Protein backbone atom coordinates (compact mmCIF):
# COMPACT_ATOMS: atom_id res chain seq x y z
CA UNK A 1 72.38 120.96 103.93
CA UNK A 2 70.25 117.83 104.53
CA UNK A 3 72.94 115.53 103.16
CA UNK A 4 75.91 115.37 103.27
CA UNK A 5 75.20 118.11 105.81
CA UNK A 6 77.04 121.23 104.88
CA UNK A 7 76.37 124.74 103.63
CA UNK A 8 76.70 125.51 99.91
CA UNK A 9 79.87 127.56 99.55
CA UNK A 10 79.85 131.07 98.09
CA UNK A 11 79.85 130.78 94.32
CA UNK A 12 79.54 127.00 94.42
CA UNK A 13 77.38 125.37 91.74
CA UNK A 14 75.93 121.97 92.58
CA UNK A 15 76.42 119.03 90.19
CA UNK A 16 74.30 119.07 87.02
CA UNK A 17 72.32 115.99 88.04
CA UNK A 18 71.36 117.57 91.36
CA UNK A 19 70.32 120.84 89.75
CA UNK A 20 68.24 118.96 87.17
CA UNK A 21 66.55 116.93 89.89
CA UNK A 22 65.50 119.98 91.90
CA UNK A 23 64.62 122.03 88.79
CA UNK A 24 62.23 119.32 87.61
CA UNK A 25 60.41 119.43 90.94
CA UNK A 26 59.77 123.16 90.86
CA UNK A 27 59.31 123.44 87.10
CA UNK A 28 62.20 125.69 86.10
CA UNK A 29 65.34 125.43 83.97
CA UNK A 30 68.44 124.30 85.89
CA UNK A 31 70.45 127.08 84.21
CA UNK A 32 68.52 129.60 86.31
CA UNK A 33 70.66 128.67 89.29
CA UNK A 34 73.35 131.01 88.00
CA UNK A 35 71.00 133.85 88.98
CA UNK A 36 70.61 132.61 92.53
CA UNK A 37 71.91 134.57 95.52
CA UNK A 38 73.36 137.45 93.60
CA UNK A 39 72.70 139.28 96.83
CA UNK A 40 74.67 137.79 99.69
CA UNK A 41 71.82 138.71 102.01
CA UNK A 42 69.59 136.23 100.10
CA UNK A 43 72.02 133.41 100.64
CA UNK A 44 72.34 134.17 104.38
CA UNK A 45 68.59 134.41 104.87
CA UNK A 46 68.05 131.10 103.10
CA UNK A 47 70.75 129.42 105.17
CA UNK A 48 69.11 130.65 108.39
CA UNK A 49 65.67 129.44 107.28
CA UNK A 50 67.00 126.04 106.25
CA UNK A 51 68.83 125.58 109.55
CA UNK A 52 65.59 126.02 111.39
CA UNK A 53 63.63 123.81 109.03
CA UNK A 54 66.21 120.97 109.14
CA UNK A 55 66.90 121.50 112.86
CA UNK A 56 70.65 121.78 112.39
CA UNK A 57 73.27 124.14 113.80
CA UNK A 58 76.85 125.27 113.33
CA UNK A 59 79.52 123.61 115.39
CA UNK A 60 80.16 124.81 118.93
CA UNK A 61 83.34 124.24 120.88
CA UNK A 62 81.70 121.25 122.60
CA UNK A 63 80.67 119.80 119.25
CA UNK A 64 84.24 120.07 117.92
CA UNK A 65 85.56 118.51 121.13
CA UNK A 66 83.24 115.51 120.83
CA UNK A 67 84.17 115.05 117.19
CA UNK A 68 87.86 115.18 118.09
CA UNK A 69 87.38 112.65 120.88
CA UNK A 70 85.62 110.33 118.40
CA UNK A 71 88.48 110.76 115.97
CA UNK A 72 91.07 110.01 118.66
CA UNK A 73 89.23 106.85 119.54
CA UNK A 74 89.18 105.78 115.88
CA UNK A 75 92.86 106.68 115.49
CA UNK A 76 93.73 104.59 118.56
CA UNK A 77 92.37 101.53 116.76
CA UNK A 78 93.62 102.24 113.23
CA UNK A 79 95.91 104.49 111.23
CA UNK A 80 93.36 104.62 108.42
CA UNK A 81 92.68 108.27 107.46
CA UNK A 82 89.25 107.21 106.14
CA UNK A 83 88.21 105.74 109.51
CA UNK A 84 89.38 108.80 111.41
CA UNK A 85 87.59 111.26 109.10
CA UNK A 86 84.45 109.12 109.16
CA UNK A 87 84.47 109.35 112.95
CA UNK A 88 84.54 113.14 112.79
CA UNK A 89 81.76 113.34 110.20
CA UNK A 90 79.57 110.74 111.93
CA UNK A 91 79.80 112.51 115.27
CA UNK A 92 78.88 115.90 113.85
CA UNK A 93 75.94 114.41 111.97
CA UNK A 94 74.70 112.65 115.12
CA UNK A 95 74.74 115.96 116.94
CA UNK A 96 72.86 117.75 114.16
CA UNK A 97 75.83 119.90 113.30
CA UNK A 98 76.62 121.24 109.84
CA UNK A 99 79.95 119.92 108.60
CA UNK A 100 82.81 122.46 108.54
CA UNK A 101 85.12 122.87 105.59
CA UNK A 102 87.17 119.93 104.32
CA UNK A 103 90.35 121.67 105.56
CA UNK A 104 88.92 121.91 109.08
CA UNK A 105 87.96 118.18 109.09
CA UNK A 106 91.37 117.28 107.82
CA UNK A 107 93.10 119.28 110.57
CA UNK A 108 90.94 117.55 113.19
CA UNK A 109 91.78 114.13 111.80
CA UNK A 110 95.53 114.86 111.68
CA UNK A 111 95.43 116.19 115.23
CA UNK A 112 93.56 113.09 116.41
CA UNK A 113 96.07 110.79 114.74
CA UNK A 114 98.98 112.64 116.34
CA UNK A 115 97.35 112.44 119.77
CA UNK A 116 96.60 108.72 119.34
CA UNK A 117 100.20 108.04 118.34
CA UNK A 118 101.53 109.89 121.34
CA UNK A 119 99.18 108.10 123.71
CA UNK A 120 100.23 104.72 122.37
CA UNK A 121 103.90 105.60 122.80
CA UNK A 122 103.32 106.76 126.35
CA UNK A 123 101.32 103.62 127.18
CA UNK A 124 104.34 101.49 126.21
CA UNK A 125 107.00 103.34 128.21
CA UNK A 126 105.23 105.03 131.13
CA UNK A 127 105.89 102.13 133.51
CA UNK A 128 109.56 101.72 132.56
CA UNK A 129 112.17 102.95 135.01
CA UNK A 130 114.34 105.91 133.96
CA UNK A 131 117.38 103.62 133.89
CA UNK A 132 115.58 101.31 131.49
CA UNK A 133 114.70 104.23 129.22
CA UNK A 134 118.34 105.29 129.19
CA UNK A 135 119.35 101.77 128.16
CA UNK A 136 116.90 101.96 125.24
CA UNK A 137 118.20 105.40 124.26
CA UNK A 138 121.72 103.99 124.08
CA UNK A 139 120.53 101.71 121.30
CA UNK A 140 120.91 104.71 119.00
CA UNK A 141 124.55 105.28 120.01
CA UNK A 142 127.36 103.69 118.02
CA UNK A 143 128.76 100.66 119.80
CA UNK A 144 132.52 100.51 119.29
CA UNK A 145 132.43 96.72 119.55
CA UNK A 146 130.41 96.33 116.39
CA UNK A 147 131.02 99.68 114.66
CA UNK A 148 127.35 100.58 114.44
CA UNK A 149 124.33 101.33 116.59
CA UNK A 150 122.70 98.40 118.28
CA UNK A 151 119.38 99.52 116.82
CA UNK A 152 120.76 99.13 113.28
CA UNK A 153 122.32 95.81 114.26
CA UNK A 154 118.97 94.53 115.43
CA UNK A 155 117.15 95.71 112.30
CA UNK A 156 119.70 94.12 110.01
CA UNK A 157 119.15 90.58 111.22
CA UNK A 158 119.92 88.07 108.49
CA UNK A 159 116.97 86.21 106.92
CA UNK A 160 118.51 83.42 104.91
CA UNK A 161 118.25 79.98 106.65
CA UNK A 162 122.00 79.43 107.12
CA UNK A 163 123.64 78.15 110.28
CA UNK A 164 125.70 81.29 110.74
CA UNK A 165 122.56 83.39 110.37
CA UNK A 166 120.79 81.36 113.05
CA UNK A 167 123.67 82.18 115.40
CA UNK A 168 123.17 85.88 114.59
CA UNK A 169 119.46 85.68 115.30
CA UNK A 170 119.98 83.96 118.67
CA UNK A 171 122.49 86.64 119.61
CA UNK A 172 119.93 89.32 118.90
CA UNK A 173 117.20 87.51 120.78
CA UNK A 174 119.45 87.14 123.81
CA UNK A 175 120.42 90.81 123.58
CA UNK A 176 116.74 91.87 123.58
CA UNK A 177 115.77 89.55 126.43
CA UNK A 178 118.53 91.10 128.52
CA UNK A 179 116.43 94.27 128.73
CA UNK A 180 113.79 92.33 130.67
CA UNK A 181 110.90 94.29 129.21
CA UNK A 182 107.44 92.78 129.86
CA UNK A 183 105.95 91.47 126.59
CA UNK A 184 102.53 92.20 128.03
CA UNK A 185 103.07 95.93 127.44
CA UNK A 186 102.04 95.19 123.87
CA UNK A 187 98.48 94.61 125.06
CA UNK A 188 98.27 98.26 126.10
CA UNK A 189 98.06 99.29 122.42
CA UNK A 190 95.24 98.39 120.04
CA UNK A 191 96.15 95.88 117.34
CA UNK A 192 95.71 98.29 114.46
CA UNK A 193 97.94 100.88 116.15
CA UNK A 194 100.47 98.23 117.07
CA UNK A 195 100.60 96.99 113.45
CA UNK A 196 101.30 100.53 112.30
CA UNK A 197 104.20 100.80 114.78
CA UNK A 198 105.60 97.59 113.34
CA UNK A 199 105.29 98.96 109.79
CA UNK A 200 107.03 102.21 110.75
CA UNK A 201 109.88 100.24 112.29
CA UNK A 202 110.31 98.07 109.23
CA UNK A 203 113.05 99.22 106.80
CA UNK A 204 111.71 100.44 103.47
CA UNK A 205 113.20 102.29 100.53
CA UNK A 206 112.64 106.07 100.17
CA UNK A 207 111.28 105.44 96.69
CA UNK A 208 108.53 103.20 97.99
CA UNK A 209 107.57 105.61 100.76
CA UNK A 210 107.47 108.55 98.37
CA UNK A 211 105.24 106.76 95.84
CA UNK A 212 102.81 105.63 98.52
CA UNK A 213 102.37 109.19 99.76
CA UNK A 214 101.83 110.57 96.28
CA UNK A 215 99.24 107.97 95.37
CA UNK A 216 97.18 108.43 98.57
CA UNK A 217 94.05 110.58 98.04
CA UNK A 218 93.14 113.31 100.48
CA UNK A 219 91.24 111.81 103.41
CA UNK A 220 88.16 114.02 103.62
CA UNK A 221 87.45 113.92 99.88
CA UNK A 222 87.02 110.13 100.14
CA UNK A 223 84.88 110.21 103.23
CA UNK A 224 82.43 113.13 103.15
CA UNK A 225 80.16 111.22 100.82
CA UNK A 226 80.00 108.18 103.11
């Protein structure tokens, strides 16, 4: 409960090194831990005594709210799951609150990231006139003149340094400038969040996306020890 700041789960056995460390201090065999708290009342009584001794508490609605606000602030700056989870954990520790389950922390982090994404999107479009938003929506409609959506046409800009490709690029630039959207809107979004928006708008293969998701470890498991 002192660190990392959570209650031992029912039936949970601490790591061998930790048991050995404590057992050496009190002069018993570490294997005796298997006899501990056979009565649930014992475990509850010890938890209550330790909370008083360590001056910690369980999370209240206000504690969870503050942790969520910290997570939203972190998510506004970065998409990094580790940074968002660290914000939740750090806030709870600062308030002397025992950490909830990993699943609870993960849900808070995911909620904060969703809120931060939505706020960034709103910040970019809230000052645009309805007519301008309709023009942007029409980018997703097939344009008969080119046989595809203008959005796809913009994304498929040629990259090779050929004269014909330069003409295609200037056509796209002129098309975008015709919308007359203030470039300063970009300053409303934190750089880390803006970079994530750029990455999400960049074409990538489904194979690459799938592998990156599979190889990413669960956020809380990487951060609770920090």
